[in-house]
Amino acid sequence: MRSLLAIALALAGCATGNSNRGTRSTVAYRFVCSPRDATLVVDEENMGQCVLWEQRWLGLGPGTHRVRVEREGYLPNESEIPGQGPRGTIRIELRERPE
């Protein structure tokens, strides 16, 4: 029975996408990227393709967070986002790498 509770709690944490293990989320973002299959990296943690975060909220704890979006053939985009405030959608468009 305890293991079922532990699994349920772990899955509940995954549902919010909280990348700050053990930290309460103070804000949540969705990411819409072009190209959609670009990789989202938050605080040096690979979160997978941006398309995964178009409809899901990524919960973040307090403080400033470093966000990087990258894909082969494109220039990476790096920025900082706040760990507090209203939920929001972040749109990122990568530029193709010059040949």
C-alpha atoms as a PDB file:
ATOM      1  CA  MET A   1       0.000   0.000   0.000  1.00  0.00           C
ATOM      2  CA  ARG A   2       2.847   2.419   0.803  1.00  0.00           C
ATOM      3  CA  SER A   3       4.439   1.815  -2.584  1.00  0.00           C
ATOM      4  CA  LEU A   4       1.150   2.745  -4.296  1.00  0.00           C
ATOM      5  CA  LEU A   5       1.059   5.997  -2.348  1.00  0.00           C
ATOM      6  CA  ALA A   6       4.673   6.749  -3.298  1.00  0.00           C
ATOM      7  CA  ILE A   7       3.900   6.090  -6.966  1.00  0.00           C
ATOM      8  CA  ALA A   8       0.795   8.303  -6.828  1.00  0.00           C
ATOM      9  CA  LEU A   9       2.776  11.155  -5.264  1.00  0.00           C
ATOM     10  CA  ALA A  10       5.546  10.801  -7.857  1.00  0.00           C
ATOM     11  CA  LEU A  11       3.024  10.901 -10.697  1.00  0.00           C
ATOM     12  CA  ALA A  12       1.344  13.958  -9.205  1.00  0.00           C
ATOM     13  CA  GLY A  13       4.689  15.758  -9.263  1.00  0.00           C
ATOM     14  CA  CYS A  14       5.176  14.791 -12.913  1.00  0.00           C
ATOM     15  CA  ALA A  15       1.782  16.183 -13.877  1.00  0.00           C
ATOM     16  CA  THR A  16       2.901  19.735 -13.145  1.00  0.00           C
ATOM     17  CA  GLY A  17       6.269  19.222 -14.764  1.00  0.00           C
ATOM     18  CA  ASN A  18       8.083  20.678 -11.769  1.00  0.00           C
ATOM     19  CA  SER A  19      11.771  20.541 -12.641  1.00  0.00           C
ATOM     20  CA  ASN A  20      12.827  21.805  -9.201  1.00  0.00           C
ATOM     21  CA  ARG A  21      12.760  18.517  -7.329  1.00  0.00           C
ATOM     22  CA  GLY A  22      11.269  19.001  -3.881  1.00  0.00           C
ATOM     23  CA  THR A  23      10.487  22.685  -4.451  1.00  0.00           C
ATOM     24  CA  ARG A  24       6.967  24.069  -4.508  1.00  0.00           C
ATOM     25  CA  SER A  25       6.014  25.618  -7.845  1.00  0.00           C
ATOM     26  CA  THR A  26       5.424  29.367  -7.740  1.00  0.00           C
ATOM     27  CA  VAL A  27       4.765  29.835 -11.465  1.00  0.00           C
ATOM     28  CA  ALA A  28       4.013  27.702 -14.519  1.00  0.00           C
ATOM     29  CA  TYR A  29       4.773  28.216 -18.197  1.00  0.00           C
ATOM     30  CA  ARG A  30       3.871  26.668 -21.521  1.00  0.00           C
ATOM     31  CA  PHE A  31       6.370  26.825 -24.374  1.00  0.00           C
ATOM     32  CA  VAL A  32       5.541  27.283 -28.038  1.00  0.00           C
ATOM     33  CA  CYS A  33       8.654  26.959 -30.174  1.00  0.00           C
ATOM     34  CA  SER A  34       9.465  27.105 -33.839  1.00  0.00           C
ATOM     35  CA  PRO A  35      10.579  24.586 -34.908  1.00  0.00           C
ATOM     36  CA  ARG A  36       8.289  22.544 -32.661  1.00  0.00           C
ATOM     37  CA  ASP A  37      10.798  19.694 -32.278  1.00  0.00           C
ATOM     38  CA  ALA A  38      13.477  21.961 -30.761  1.00  0.00           C
ATOM     39  CA  THR A  39      14.808  20.856 -27.366  1.00  0.00           C
ATOM     40  CA  LEU A  40      13.847  22.780 -24.222  1.00  0.00           C
ATOM     41  CA  VAL A  41      16.478  22.999 -21.469  1.00  0.00           C
ATOM     42  CA  VAL A  42      15.563  24.624 -18.134  1.00  0.00           C
ATOM     43  CA  ASP A  43      18.284  25.191 -15.539  1.00  0.00           C
ATOM     44  CA  GLU A  44      20.520  22.733 -17.455  1.00  0.00           C
ATOM     45  CA  GLU A  45      17.847  20.015 -17.286  1.00  0.00           C
ATOM     46  CA  ASN A  46      16.697  18.619 -20.646  1.00  0.00           C
ATOM     47  CA  MET A  47      12.893  18.817 -20.674  1.00  0.00           C
ATOM     48  CA  GLY A  48      12.475  17.178 -24.101  1.00  0.00           C
ATOM     49  CA  GLN A  49      10.980  18.669 -27.226  1.00  0.00           C
ATOM     50  CA  CYS A  50       9.094  21.964 -26.957  1.00  0.00           C
ATOM     51  CA  VAL A  51       6.019  20.374 -28.512  1.00  0.00           C
ATOM     52  CA  LEU A  52       5.589  18.425 -25.255  1.00  0.00           C
ATOM     53  CA  TRP A  53       5.122  21.712 -23.374  1.00  0.00           C
ATOM     54  CA  GLU A  54       2.605  23.406 -25.700  1.00  0.00           C
ATOM     55  CA  GLN A  55      -0.383  21.998 -23.802  1.00  0.00           C
ATOM     56  CA  ARG A  56       1.240  21.142 -20.429  1.00  0.00           C
ATOM     57  CA  TRP A  57       2.313  23.537 -17.709  1.00  0.00           C
ATOM     58  CA  LEU A  58       5.946  23.420 -16.591  1.00  0.00           C
ATOM     59  CA  GLY A  59       5.950  24.360 -12.904  1.00  0.00           C
ATOM     60  CA  LEU A  60       8.974  26.258 -11.582  1.00  0.00           C
ATOM     61  CA  GLY A  61       9.997  27.268  -8.094  1.00  0.00           C
ATOM     62  CA  PRO A  62      11.087  30.679  -6.847  1.00  0.00           C
ATOM     63  CA  GLY A  63      14.070  32.492  -8.323  1.00  0.00           C
ATOM     64  CA  THR A  64      15.300  33.171 -11.838  1.00  0.00           C
ATOM     65  CA  HIS A  65      15.503  30.258 -14.279  1.00  0.00           C
ATOM     66  CA  ARG A  66      17.745  29.857 -17.332  1.00  0.00           C
ATOM     67  CA  VAL A  67      15.944  28.642 -20.442  1.00  0.00           C
ATOM     68  CA  ARG A  68      17.666  27.421 -23.599  1.00  0.00           C
ATOM     69  CA  VAL A  69      15.983  26.202 -26.773  1.00  0.00           C
ATOM     70  CA  GLU A  70      18.176  24.465 -29.320  1.00  0.00           C
ATOM     71  CA  ARG A  71      18.023  22.365 -32.448  1.00  0.00           C
ATOM     72  CA  GLU A  72      20.616  21.245 -34.958  1.00  0.00           C
ATOM     73  CA  GLY A  73      20.864  23.687 -37.852  1.00  0.00           C
ATOM     74  CA  TYR A  74      19.538  26.611 -35.781  1.00  0.00           C
ATOM     75  CA  LEU A  75      21.085  29.226 -33.517  1.00  0.00           C
ATOM     76  CA  PRO A  76      20.238  28.483 -29.858  1.00  0.00           C
ATOM     77  CA  ASN A  77      18.029  30.893 -27.926  1.00  0.00           C
ATOM     78  CA  GLU A  78      18.884  31.579 -24.268  1.00  0.00           C
ATOM     79  CA  SER A  79      16.948  33.685 -21.792  1.00  0.00           C
ATOM     80  CA  GLU A  80      16.019  34.022 -18.146  1.00  0.00           C
ATOM     81  CA  ILE A  81      12.478  33.779 -16.806  1.00  0.00           C
ATOM     82  CA  PRO A  82      11.120  34.640 -13.356  1.00  0.00           C
ATOM     83  CA  GLY A  83      10.041  31.945 -10.928  1.00  0.00           C
ATOM     84  CA  GLN A  84       6.986  33.863  -9.764  1.00  0.00           C
ATOM     85  CA  GLY A  85       3.967  35.601 -11.208  1.00  0.00           C
ATOM     86  CA  PRO A  86       0.995  34.564 -13.310  1.00  0.00           C
ATOM     87  CA  ARG A  87       0.993  31.526 -15.581  1.00  0.00           C
ATOM     88  CA  GLY A  88       2.092  32.346 -19.086  1.00  0.00           C
ATOM     89  CA  THR A  89       3.044  31.093 -22.506  1.00  0.00           C
ATOM     90  CA  ILE A  90       6.548  31.697 -23.798  1.00  0.00           C
ATOM     91  CA  ARG A  91       6.997  31.802 -27.567  1.00  0.00           C
ATOM     92  CA  ILE A  92      10.443  31.175 -29.011  1.00  0.00           C
ATOM     93  CA  GLU A  93      11.371  31.214 -32.678  1.00  0.00           C
ATOM     94  CA  LEU A  94      14.810  29.909 -33.570  1.00  0.00           C
ATOM     95  CA  ARG A  95      16.719  31.369 -36.503  1.00  0.00           C
ATOM     96  CA  GLU A  96      18.402  29.071 -38.974  1.00  0.00           C
ATOM     97  CA  ARG A  97      22.161  28.903 -38.650  1.00  0.00           C
ATOM     98  CA  PRO A  98      23.849  30.723 -41.553  1.00  0.00           C
ATOM     99  CA  GLU A  99      25.803  28.431 -43.845  1.00  0.00           C
END
